[in-house]
C-alpha atoms as a PDB file:
ATOM      1  CA  UNK A   1       0.000   0.000   0.000  1.00  0.00           C
ATOM      2  CA  UNK A   2       1.417   3.380  -1.052  1.00  0.00           C
ATOM      3  CA  UNK A   3       2.367   5.805   1.652  1.00  0.00           C
ATOM      4  CA  UNK A   4       0.804   9.276   1.505  1.00  0.00           C
ATOM      5  CA  UNK A   5       4.088  10.892   0.485  1.00  0.00           C
ATOM      6  CA  UNK A   6       4.331   8.522  -2.491  1.00  0.00           C
ATOM      7  CA  UNK A   7       0.820   9.173  -3.814  1.00  0.00           C
ATOM      8  CA  UNK A   8       0.263  11.512  -6.771  1.00  0.00           C
ATOM      9  CA  UNK A   9      -0.723  14.926  -5.437  1.00  0.00           C
ATOM     10  CA  UNK A  10      -4.091  16.479  -6.141  1.00  0.00           C
ATOM     11  CA  UNK A  11      -3.935  18.826  -9.121  1.00  0.00           C
ATOM     12  CA  UNK A  12      -6.250  21.610 -10.235  1.00  0.00           C
ATOM     13  CA  UNK A  13      -7.938  20.179 -13.317  1.00  0.00           C
ATOM     14  CA  UNK A  14     -10.914  21.214 -15.361  1.00  0.00           C
ATOM     15  CA  UNK A  15     -13.580  18.670 -16.240  1.00  0.00           C
ATOM     16  CA  UNK A  16     -12.396  18.001 -19.806  1.00  0.00           C
ATOM     17  CA  UNK A  17      -8.879  17.207 -18.573  1.00  0.00           C
ATOM     18  CA  UNK A  18     -10.162  14.740 -15.988  1.00  0.00           C
ATOM     19  CA  UNK A  19     -12.522  12.995 -18.395  1.00  0.00           C
ATOM     20  CA  UNK A  20      -9.957  12.871 -21.195  1.00  0.00           C
ATOM     21  CA  UNK A  21      -7.486  11.244 -18.825  1.00  0.00           C
ATOM     22  CA  UNK A  22     -10.143   8.659 -18.000  1.00  0.00           C
ATOM     23  CA  UNK A  23     -11.008   7.600 -21.556  1.00  0.00           C
ATOM     24  CA  UNK A  24      -7.469   7.731 -22.992  1.00  0.00           C
ATOM     25  CA  UNK A  25      -5.613   5.936 -20.212  1.00  0.00           C
ATOM     26  CA  UNK A  26      -3.890   2.827 -21.503  1.00  0.00           C
ATOM     27  CA  UNK A  27      -3.167   0.766 -18.386  1.00  0.00           C
ATOM     28  CA  UNK A  28      -6.585  -0.795 -18.257  1.00  0.00           C
ATOM     29  CA  UNK A  29      -9.656  -0.759 -16.044  1.00  0.00           C
ATOM     30  CA  UNK A  30      -7.988  -2.160 -12.943  1.00  0.00           C
ATOM     31  CA  UNK A  31      -5.449   0.659 -12.669  1.00  0.00           C
ATOM     32  CA  UNK A  32      -6.615   3.523 -10.450  1.00  0.00           C
ATOM     33  CA  UNK A  33      -4.742   6.131 -12.474  1.00  0.00           C
ATOM     34  CA  UNK A  34      -7.554   6.377 -15.029  1.00  0.00           C
ATOM     35  CA  UNK A  35     -10.023   7.671 -12.419  1.00  0.00           C
ATOM     36  CA  UNK A  36      -7.681   9.599 -10.114  1.00  0.00           C
ATOM     37  CA  UNK A  37      -7.858  12.869 -12.119  1.00  0.00           C
ATOM     38  CA  UNK A  38     -11.626  12.831 -11.638  1.00  0.00           C
ATOM     39  CA  UNK A  39     -11.103  12.642  -7.877  1.00  0.00           C
ATOM     40  CA  UNK A  40      -8.941  15.749  -8.127  1.00  0.00           C
ATOM     41  CA  UNK A  41     -11.445  17.612 -10.282  1.00  0.00           C
ATOM     42  CA  UNK A  42     -14.262  16.881  -7.830  1.00  0.00           C
ATOM     43  CA  UNK A  43     -12.145  17.872  -4.816  1.00  0.00           C
ATOM     44  CA  UNK A  44     -11.272  21.203  -6.453  1.00  0.00           C
ATOM     45  CA  UNK A  45     -14.886  21.808  -7.437  1.00  0.00           C
ATOM     46  CA  UNK A  46     -15.976  21.353  -3.823  1.00  0.00           C
ATOM     47  CA  UNK A  47     -13.687  24.257  -2.900  1.00  0.00           C
ATOM     48  CA  UNK A  48     -14.309  26.709  -5.743  1.00  0.00           C
ATOM     49  CA  UNK A  49     -18.001  26.057  -6.212  1.00  0.00           C
ATOM     50  CA  UNK A  50     -18.923  24.430  -2.906  1.00  0.00           C
ATOM     51  CA  UNK A  51     -17.156  26.814  -0.549  1.00  0.00           C
ATOM     52  CA  UNK A  52     -15.527  24.080   1.527  1.00  0.00           C
ATOM     53  CA  UNK A  53     -12.094  24.708   2.985  1.00  0.00           C
ATOM     54  CA  UNK A  54      -9.350  22.815   1.155  1.00  0.00           C
ATOM     55  CA  UNK A  55      -7.826  21.489   4.381  1.00  0.00           C
ATOM     56  CA  UNK A  56     -11.143  19.770   5.191  1.00  0.00           C
ATOM     57  CA  UNK A  57     -11.045  17.734   1.973  1.00  0.00           C
ATOM     58  CA  UNK A  58      -9.178  14.544   1.112  1.00  0.00           C
ATOM     59  CA  UNK A  59      -7.461  14.382  -1.277  1.00  0.00           C
ATOM     60  CA  UNK A  60      -6.433  17.906  -0.330  1.00  0.00           C
ATOM     61  CA  UNK A  61      -6.918  20.351  -3.213  1.00  0.00           C
ATOM     62  CA  UNK A  62      -3.992  22.682  -4.087  1.00  0.00           C
ATOM     63  CA  UNK A  63      -5.477  25.865  -2.644  1.00  0.00           C
ATOM     64  CA  UNK A  64      -4.900  28.150   0.325  1.00  0.00           C
ATOM     65  CA  UNK A  65      -7.476  30.271   2.118  1.00  0.00           C
ATOM     66  CA  UNK A  66      -6.457  33.657   3.466  1.00  0.00           C
ATOM     67  CA  UNK A  67      -8.721  35.965   5.433  1.00  0.00           C
ATOM     68  CA  UNK A  68      -8.452  39.747   5.172  1.00  0.00           C
ATOM     69  CA  UNK A  69     -10.944  41.393   7.465  1.00  0.00           C
ATOM     70  CA  UNK A  70     -14.264  39.875   6.438  1.00  0.00           C
ATOM     71  CA  UNK A  71     -12.968  38.809   3.045  1.00  0.00           C
ATOM     72  CA  UNK A  72     -12.097  35.206   2.212  1.00  0.00           C
ATOM     73  CA  UNK A  73      -9.450  35.035  -0.501  1.00  0.00           C
ATOM     74  CA  UNK A  74      -8.723  31.795  -2.325  1.00  0.00           C
ATOM     75  CA  UNK A  75      -5.214  31.229  -3.703  1.00  0.00           C
ATOM     76  CA  UNK A  76      -3.783  28.467  -5.873  1.00  0.00           C
ATOM     77  CA  UNK A  77      -0.850  26.686  -4.212  1.00  0.00           C
ATOM     78  CA  UNK A  78       0.484  23.623  -5.993  1.00  0.00           C
ATOM     79  CA  UNK A  79       2.592  22.645  -2.976  1.00  0.00           C
ATOM     80  CA  UNK A  80      -0.527  22.383  -0.800  1.00  0.00           C
ATOM     81  CA  UNK A  81      -2.017  19.606  -2.888  1.00  0.00           C
ATOM     82  CA  UNK A  82      -2.134  16.214  -1.170  1.00  0.00           C
ATOM     83  CA  UNK A  83      -2.709  12.655  -2.310  1.00  0.00           C
ATOM     84  CA  UNK A  84      -3.876  11.063   0.897  1.00  0.00           C
ATOM     85  CA  UNK A  85      -7.182   9.216   1.161  1.00  0.00           C
ATOM     86  CA  UNK A  86      -9.727   9.304   3.955  1.00  0.00           C
ATOM     87  CA  UNK A  87     -10.792   6.088   5.632  1.00  0.00           C
ATOM     88  CA  UNK A  88     -14.349   6.363   6.922  1.00  0.00           C
ATOM     89  CA  UNK A  89     -15.830   4.224   9.675  1.00  0.00           C
ATOM     90  CA  UNK A  90     -18.783   2.244   8.383  1.00  0.00           C
ATOM     91  CA  UNK A  91     -21.489   0.369  10.198  1.00  0.00           C
ATOM     92  CA  UNK A  92     -20.108  -2.925   8.883  1.00  0.00           C
ATOM     93  CA  UNK A  93     -16.543  -2.130   7.828  1.00  0.00           C
ATOM     94  CA  UNK A  94     -14.206   0.782   7.199  1.00  0.00           C
ATOM     95  CA  UNK A  95     -14.047   2.169   3.675  1.00  0.00           C
ATOM     96  CA  UNK A  96     -11.587   4.311   1.752  1.00  0.00           C
ATOM     97  CA  UNK A  97     -13.767   6.925   0.085  1.00  0.00           C
ATOM     98  CA  UNK A  98     -12.545   8.807  -2.986  1.00  0.00           C
ATOM     99  CA  UNK A  99     -13.385  12.347  -1.844  1.00  0.00           C
ATOM    100  CA  UNK A 100     -14.405  13.235   1.715  1.00  0.00           C
ATOM    101  CA  UNK A 101     -15.177  16.499   3.511  1.00  0.00           C
ATOM    102  CA  UNK A 102     -14.602  16.254   7.262  1.00  0.00           C
ATOM    103  CA  UNK A 103     -15.539  18.904   9.817  1.00  0.00           C
ATOM    104  CA  UNK A 104     -13.568  19.151  13.046  1.00  0.00           C
ATOM    105  CA  UNK A 105     -15.599  17.890  15.975  1.00  0.00           C
ATOM    106  CA  UNK A 106     -18.339  16.532  13.707  1.00  0.00           C
ATOM    107  CA  UNK A 107     -16.726  13.984  11.407  1.00  0.00           C
ATOM    108  CA  UNK A 108     -17.369  13.230   7.729  1.00  0.00           C
ATOM    109  CA  UNK A 109     -20.194  15.415   6.430  1.00  0.00           C
ATOM    110  CA  UNK A 110     -19.990  14.947   2.661  1.00  0.00           C
ATOM    111  CA  UNK A 111     -18.451  12.121   0.636  1.00  0.00           C
ATOM    112  CA  UNK A 112     -18.339  11.097  -3.007  1.00  0.00           C
ATOM    113  CA  UNK A 113     -17.483   7.666  -4.361  1.00  0.00           C
ATOM    114  CA  UNK A 114     -16.477   7.390  -8.019  1.00  0.00           C
ATOM    115  CA  UNK A 115     -16.346   4.452 -10.388  1.00  0.00           C
ATOM    116  CA  UNK A 116     -15.107   4.169 -13.942  1.00  0.00           C
ATOM    117  CA  UNK A 117     -16.125   1.490 -16.439  1.00  0.00           C
ATOM    118  CA  UNK A 118     -14.314   1.099 -19.746  1.00  0.00           C
ATOM    119  CA  UNK A 119     -16.115  -1.948 -21.180  1.00  0.00           C
ATOM    120  CA  UNK A 120     -17.925  -5.178 -20.261  1.00  0.00           C
ATOM    121  CA  UNK A 121     -21.137  -3.333 -19.537  1.00  0.00           C
ATOM    122  CA  UNK A 122     -22.838  -6.605 -18.630  1.00  0.00           C
ATOM    123  CA  UNK A 123     -21.179  -6.157 -15.230  1.00  0.00           C
ATOM    124  CA  UNK A 124     -23.053  -2.936 -14.472  1.00  0.00           C
ATOM    125  CA  UNK A 125     -25.506  -4.830 -12.287  1.00  0.00           C
ATOM    126  CA  UNK A 126     -22.558  -5.760 -10.073  1.00  0.00           C
ATOM    127  CA  UNK A 127     -21.775  -2.058  -9.732  1.00  0.00           C
ATOM    128  CA  UNK A 128     -25.326  -1.484  -8.601  1.00  0.00           C
ATOM    129  CA  UNK A 129     -25.007  -4.104  -5.877  1.00  0.00           C
ATOM    130  CA  UNK A 130     -21.671  -2.638  -4.734  1.00  0.00           C
ATOM    131  CA  UNK A 131     -23.190   0.845  -4.650  1.00  0.00           C
ATOM    132  CA  UNK A 132     -26.052  -0.280  -2.436  1.00  0.00           C
ATOM    133  CA  UNK A 133     -23.641  -1.963  -0.022  1.00  0.00           C
ATOM    134  CA  UNK A 134     -21.275   1.016   0.198  1.00  0.00           C
ATOM    135  CA  UNK A 135     -24.099   3.470   0.761  1.00  0.00           C
ATOM    136  CA  UNK A 136     -25.759   1.385   3.446  1.00  0.00           C
ATOM    137  CA  UNK A 137     -22.468   0.738   5.226  1.00  0.00           C
ATOM    138  CA  UNK A 138     -21.622   4.440   5.632  1.00  0.00           C
ATOM    139  CA  UNK A 139     -25.141   5.650   6.387  1.00  0.00           C
ATOM    140  CA  UNK A 140     -25.440   3.146   9.235  1.00  0.00           C
ATOM    141  CA  UNK A 141     -22.506   4.808  10.976  1.00  0.00           C
ATOM    142  CA  UNK A 142     -23.239   8.381   9.809  1.00  0.00           C
ATOM    143  CA  UNK A 143     -26.954   8.894   9.103  1.00  0.00           C
ATOM    144  CA  UNK A 144     -26.411  12.606   8.433  1.00  0.00           C
ATOM    145  CA  UNK A 145     -23.636  12.020   5.891  1.00  0.00           C
ATOM    146  CA  UNK A 146     -24.380  13.534   2.487  1.00  0.00           C
ATOM    147  CA  UNK A 147     -23.172  10.798   0.160  1.00  0.00           C
ATOM    148  CA  UNK A 148     -22.889  10.920  -3.611  1.00  0.00           C
ATOM    149  CA  UNK A 149     -22.047   8.301  -6.231  1.00  0.00           C
ATOM    150  CA  UNK A 150     -20.539   9.349  -9.572  1.00  0.00           C
ATOM    151  CA  UNK A 151     -20.056   6.736 -12.297  1.00  0.00           C
ATOM    152  CA  UNK A 152     -18.289   7.525 -15.575  1.00  0.00           C
ATOM    153  CA  UNK A 153     -18.593   5.137 -18.512  1.00  0.00           C
ATOM    154  CA  UNK A 154     -16.460   5.049 -21.644  1.00  0.00           C
ATOM    155  CA  UNK A 155     -18.824   5.684 -24.551  1.00  0.00           C
ATOM    156  CA  UNK A 156     -17.547   3.023 -26.923  1.00  0.00           C
ATOM    157  CA  UNK A 157     -19.282   3.485 -30.276  1.00  0.00           C
ATOM    158  CA  UNK A 158     -20.482   0.536 -32.277  1.00  0.00           C
ATOM    159  CA  UNK A 159     -17.898  -0.322 -34.905  1.00  0.00           C
ATOM    160  CA  UNK A 160     -16.117  -3.272 -36.442  1.00  0.00           C
ATOM    161  CA  UNK A 161     -13.964  -5.014 -33.853  1.00  0.00           C
ATOM    162  CA  UNK A 162     -15.856  -3.664 -30.839  1.00  0.00           C
ATOM    163  CA  UNK A 163     -17.483  -6.574 -28.924  1.00  0.00           C
ATOM    164  CA  UNK A 164     -21.234  -6.148 -28.639  1.00  0.00           C
ATOM    165  CA  UNK A 165     -21.045  -6.149 -24.849  1.00  0.00           C
ATOM    166  CA  UNK A 166     -18.611  -3.223 -24.945  1.00  0.00           C
ATOM    167  CA  UNK A 167     -20.856  -1.009 -27.079  1.00  0.00           C
ATOM    168  CA  UNK A 168     -22.302   1.998 -25.259  1.00  0.00           C
ATOM    169  CA  UNK A 169     -23.577   3.944 -28.279  1.00  0.00           C
ATOM    170  CA  UNK A 170     -25.003   2.256 -31.395  1.00  0.00           C
ATOM    171  CA  UNK A 171     -24.325   3.257 -34.996  1.00  0.00           C
ATOM    172  CA  UNK A 172     -27.575   5.232 -34.887  1.00  0.00           C
ATOM    173  CA  UNK A 173     -26.314   7.283 -31.943  1.00  0.00           C
ATOM    174  CA  UNK A 174     -28.616   5.574 -29.461  1.00  0.00           C
ATOM    175  CA  UNK A 175     -27.371   4.688 -25.972  1.00  0.00           C
ATOM    176  CA  UNK A 176     -27.407   0.925 -25.460  1.00  0.00           C
ATOM    177  CA  UNK A 177     -30.329  -0.759 -23.761  1.00  0.00           C
ATOM    178  CA  UNK A 178     -28.128  -2.111 -20.967  1.00  0.00           C
ATOM    179  CA  UNK A 179     -26.840   1.323 -20.016  1.00  0.00           C
ATOM    180  CA  UNK A 180     -30.333   2.821 -20.126  1.00  0.00           C
ATOM    181  CA  UNK A 181     -31.518   0.032 -17.854  1.00  0.00           C
ATOM    182  CA  UNK A 182     -28.656   0.723 -15.465  1.00  0.00           C
ATOM    183  CA  UNK A 183     -29.618   4.419 -15.468  1.00  0.00           C
ATOM    184  CA  UNK A 184     -33.176   3.575 -14.460  1.00  0.00           C
ATOM    185  CA  UNK A 185     -31.992   1.320 -11.641  1.00  0.00           C
ATOM    186  CA  UNK A 186     -29.542   3.898 -10.260  1.00  0.00           C
ATOM    187  CA  UNK A 187     -32.189   6.624 -10.379  1.00  0.00           C
ATOM    188  CA  UNK A 188     -34.058   4.585  -7.778  1.00  0.00           C
ATOM    189  CA  UNK A 189     -30.994   4.749  -5.504  1.00  0.00           C
ATOM    190  CA  UNK A 190     -30.794   8.548  -5.649  1.00  0.00           C
ATOM    191  CA  UNK A 191     -32.661  11.207  -3.716  1.00  0.00           C
ATOM    192  CA  UNK A 192     -32.222  10.430  -0.009  1.00  0.00           C
ATOM    193  CA  UNK A 193     -33.810  13.508   1.483  1.00  0.00           C
ATOM    194  CA  UNK A 194     -33.586  13.180   5.255  1.00  0.00           C
ATOM    195  CA  UNK A 195     -31.443  11.452   7.856  1.00  0.00           C
ATOM    196  CA  UNK A 196     -34.456   9.312   8.768  1.00  0.00           C
ATOM    197  CA  UNK A 197     -34.798   8.044   5.198  1.00  0.00           C
ATOM    198  CA  UNK A 198     -33.610   4.571   4.239  1.00  0.00           C
ATOM    199  CA  UNK A 199     -29.854   4.102   4.439  1.00  0.00           C
ATOM    200  CA  UNK A 200     -29.736   2.290   1.083  1.00  0.00           C
ATOM    201  CA  UNK A 201     -30.191   5.455  -1.006  1.00  0.00           C
ATOM    202  CA  UNK A 202     -27.625   8.096  -1.893  1.00  0.00           C
ATOM    203  CA  UNK A 203     -28.313  11.777  -1.571  1.00  0.00           C
ATOM    204  CA  UNK A 204     -27.231  12.122  -5.210  1.00  0.00           C
ATOM    205  CA  UNK A 205     -26.148   9.867  -8.081  1.00  0.00           C
ATOM    206  CA  UNK A 206     -24.832  10.738 -11.522  1.00  0.00           C
ATOM    207  CA  UNK A 207     -23.877   8.635 -14.548  1.00  0.00           C
ATOM    208  CA  UNK A 208     -21.814  10.100 -17.394  1.00  0.00           C
ATOM    209  CA  UNK A 209     -20.971   8.706 -20.822  1.00  0.00           C
ATOM    210  CA  UNK A 210     -17.578  10.027 -21.956  1.00  0.00           C
ATOM    211  CA  UNK A 211     -16.590  10.059 -25.624  1.00  0.00           C
ATOM    212  CA  UNK A 212     -13.218   8.352 -26.309  1.00  0.00           C
ATOM    213  CA  UNK A 213     -12.912   9.284 -30.001  1.00  0.00           C
ATOM    214  CA  UNK A 214      -9.903  11.343 -31.024  1.00  0.00           C
ATOM    215  CA  UNK A 215     -11.665  14.558 -32.034  1.00  0.00           C
ATOM    216  CA  UNK A 216     -14.148  14.550 -29.141  1.00  0.00           C
ATOM    217  CA  UNK A 217     -12.229  12.738 -26.390  1.00  0.00           C
ATOM    218  CA  UNK A 218     -13.340  13.793 -22.934  1.00  0.00           C
ATOM    219  CA  UNK A 219     -16.691  15.221 -24.001  1.00  0.00           C
ATOM    220  CA  UNK A 220     -19.878  13.971 -22.388  1.00  0.00           C
ATOM    221  CA  UNK A 221     -22.356  12.311 -24.721  1.00  0.00           C
ATOM    222  CA  UNK A 222     -25.204  14.761 -25.178  1.00  0.00           C
ATOM    223  CA  UNK A 223     -28.696  13.740 -24.192  1.00  0.00           C
ATOM    224  CA  UNK A 224     -27.580  11.208 -21.603  1.00  0.00           C
ATOM    225  CA  UNK A 225     -28.797  11.263 -18.983  1.00  0.00           C
ATOM    226  CA  UNK A 226     -31.937  13.071 -20.211  1.00  0.00           C
ATOM    227  CA  UNK A 227     -32.194  16.700 -19.089  1.00  0.00           C
ATOM    228  CA  UNK A 228     -34.996  15.863 -16.651  1.00  0.00           C
ATOM    229  CA  UNK A 229     -33.086  12.965 -15.094  1.00  0.00           C
ATOM    230  CA  UNK A 230     -32.154  12.887 -11.414  1.00  0.00           C
ATOM    231  CA  UNK A 231     -28.731  11.690 -12.567  1.00  0.00           C
ATOM    232  CA  UNK A 232     -27.766  14.864 -14.465  1.00  0.00           C
ATOM    233  CA  UNK A 233     -24.107  15.753 -13.803  1.00  0.00           C
ATOM    234  CA  UNK A 234     -24.552  19.385 -12.737  1.00  0.00           C
ATOM    235  CA  UNK A 235     -27.678  18.606 -10.745  1.00  0.00           C
ATOM    236  CA  UNK A 236     -25.527  16.073  -8.846  1.00  0.00           C
ATOM    237  CA  UNK A 237     -23.443  18.810  -7.211  1.00  0.00           C
ATOM    238  CA  UNK A 238     -26.386  21.137  -6.621  1.00  0.00           C
ATOM    239  CA  UNK A 239     -28.134  18.322  -4.807  1.00  0.00           C
ATOM    240  CA  UNK A 240     -25.153  17.621  -2.554  1.00  0.00           C
ATOM    241  CA  UNK A 241     -24.838  21.283  -1.541  1.00  0.00           C
ATOM    242  CA  UNK A 242     -28.571  21.552  -0.897  1.00  0.00           C
ATOM    243  CA  UNK A 243     -28.633  18.520   1.367  1.00  0.00           C
ATOM    244  CA  UNK A 244     -25.496  19.615   3.201  1.00  0.00           C
ATOM    245  CA  UNK A 245     -26.949  23.047   3.980  1.00  0.00           C
ATOM    246  CA  UNK A 246     -30.234  21.589   5.166  1.00  0.00           C
ATOM    247  CA  UNK A 247     -28.577  19.176   7.591  1.00  0.00           C
ATOM    248  CA  UNK A 248     -25.506  20.961   8.856  1.00  0.00           C
ATOM    249  CA  UNK A 249     -26.474  24.636   8.720  1.00  0.00           C
ATOM    250  CA  UNK A 250     -30.219  25.247   8.747  1.00  0.00           C
ATOM    251  CA  UNK A 251     -30.968  22.351  11.111  1.00  0.00           C
ATOM    252  CA  UNK A 252     -28.081  23.240  13.451  1.00  0.00           C
ATOM    253  CA  UNK A 253     -27.538  27.022  13.453  1.00  0.00           C
ATOM    254  CA  UNK A 254     -25.475  26.779  16.643  1.00  0.00           C
ATOM    255  CA  UNK A 255     -22.814  24.961  14.579  1.00  0.00           C
ATOM    256  CA  UNK A 256     -22.913  27.386  11.663  1.00  0.00           C
ATOM    257  CA  UNK A 257     -19.543  28.914  12.512  1.00  0.00           C
ATOM    258  CA  UNK A 258     -17.983  25.519  11.859  1.00  0.00           C
ATOM    259  CA  UNK A 259     -20.247  24.178   9.141  1.00  0.00           C
ATOM    260  CA  UNK A 260     -21.067  27.157   6.939  1.00  0.00           C
ATOM    261  CA  UNK A 261     -19.705  27.131   3.426  1.00  0.00           C
ATOM    262  CA  UNK A 262     -17.393  30.030   2.618  1.00  0.00           C
ATOM    263  CA  UNK A 263     -18.047  32.679  -0.017  1.00  0.00           C
ATOM    264  CA  UNK A 264     -14.944  33.719  -1.922  1.00  0.00           C
ATOM    265  CA  UNK A 265     -14.051  37.325  -2.487  1.00  0.00           C
ATOM    266  CA  UNK A 266     -14.419  38.146  -6.215  1.00  0.00           C
ATOM    267  CA  UNK A 267     -10.842  39.469  -6.173  1.00  0.00           C
ATOM    268  CA  UNK A 268      -9.441  36.075  -5.145  1.00  0.00           C
ATOM    269  CA  UNK A 269      -6.589  34.976  -7.443  1.00  0.00           C
ATOM    270  CA  UNK A 270      -8.340  31.657  -8.093  1.00  0.00           C
ATOM    271  CA  UNK A 271     -11.492  33.455  -9.212  1.00  0.00           C
ATOM    272  CA  UNK A 272      -9.453  35.455 -11.720  1.00  0.00           C
ATOM    273  CA  UNK A 273      -7.802  32.320 -13.131  1.00  0.00           C
ATOM    274  CA  UNK A 274      -9.043  31.178 -16.564  1.00  0.00           C
ATOM    275  CA  UNK A 275      -9.693  27.670 -15.232  1.00  0.00           C
ATOM    276  CA  UNK A 276     -12.434  29.010 -12.985  1.00  0.00           C
ATOM    277  CA  UNK A 277     -14.513  30.060 -15.998  1.00  0.00           C
ATOM    278  CA  UNK A 278     -15.790  26.474 -16.190  1.00  0.00           C
ATOM    279  CA  UNK A 279     -17.144  26.580 -12.647  1.00  0.00           C
ATOM    280  CA  UNK A 280     -19.877  28.526 -10.944  1.00  0.00           C
ATOM    281  CA  UNK A 281     -17.668  29.874  -8.139  1.00  0.00           C
ATOM    282  CA  UNK A 282     -19.289  30.583  -4.807  1.00  0.00           C
ATOM    283  CA  UNK A 283     -18.765  34.333  -4.554  1.00  0.00           C
ATOM    284  CA  UNK A 284     -19.610  36.854  -1.896  1.00  0.00           C
ATOM    285  CA  UNK A 285     -22.146  39.384  -3.135  1.00  0.00           C
ATOM    286  CA  UNK A 286     -20.800  42.872  -3.652  1.00  0.00           C
END
């Protein structure tokens, strides 16, 4: 097992970089390197867009927070990036979770597990069973935990030499029946709305099809999931923030000093960086 100092450090990536790294990686499905950039992208998004402090997140994003009076300034700092993982106590067993936000004195408050599938889509039902088990395990120990599941799939297009079971998009541009069926199943596992709800559901789930073709590598396949779907990628993050605020801020105002999400000053160096144009940064109103 790699020591923390030997792990690749979290980098500030935009979505297209993370997804391109996923679909073009050559070491195969079992290697974690193909999904690691997505962990980094999500961790950075939770800071810039979510307003969480970088030192509360694992892997630690490469940012620093500096306070000037009542202003919170966010700075990029490559040396601050970390590669360590967070092990979370479950009701049945401990689990290393891909991205975790932990609040001092409270514990893990928001977590996101990510999976990547390159082919053999017949095994998606196994992913569903794993997802149910992981979700239940953590919610038993932490009923208030806001837990998300993000699954990226390589959008192999039907062509000569591509096994039928590896096809995600047919020659007619239609998403395969198996993937659509998996979408419908996972939609039933999304939407946990209260700490008293069943532990087997996630607060949010998203499934993304990522194009591997040379000219469009890293782009999400349009129209999937459908715009009205619970599994829409951007709705995924909105849902996590909404549930976090309801549980850890509005329901517990006495803890707001610890739990509130920060609003970045518009003059923050990170906000001025071109990479932030892709995000919807959480900014303090003028």
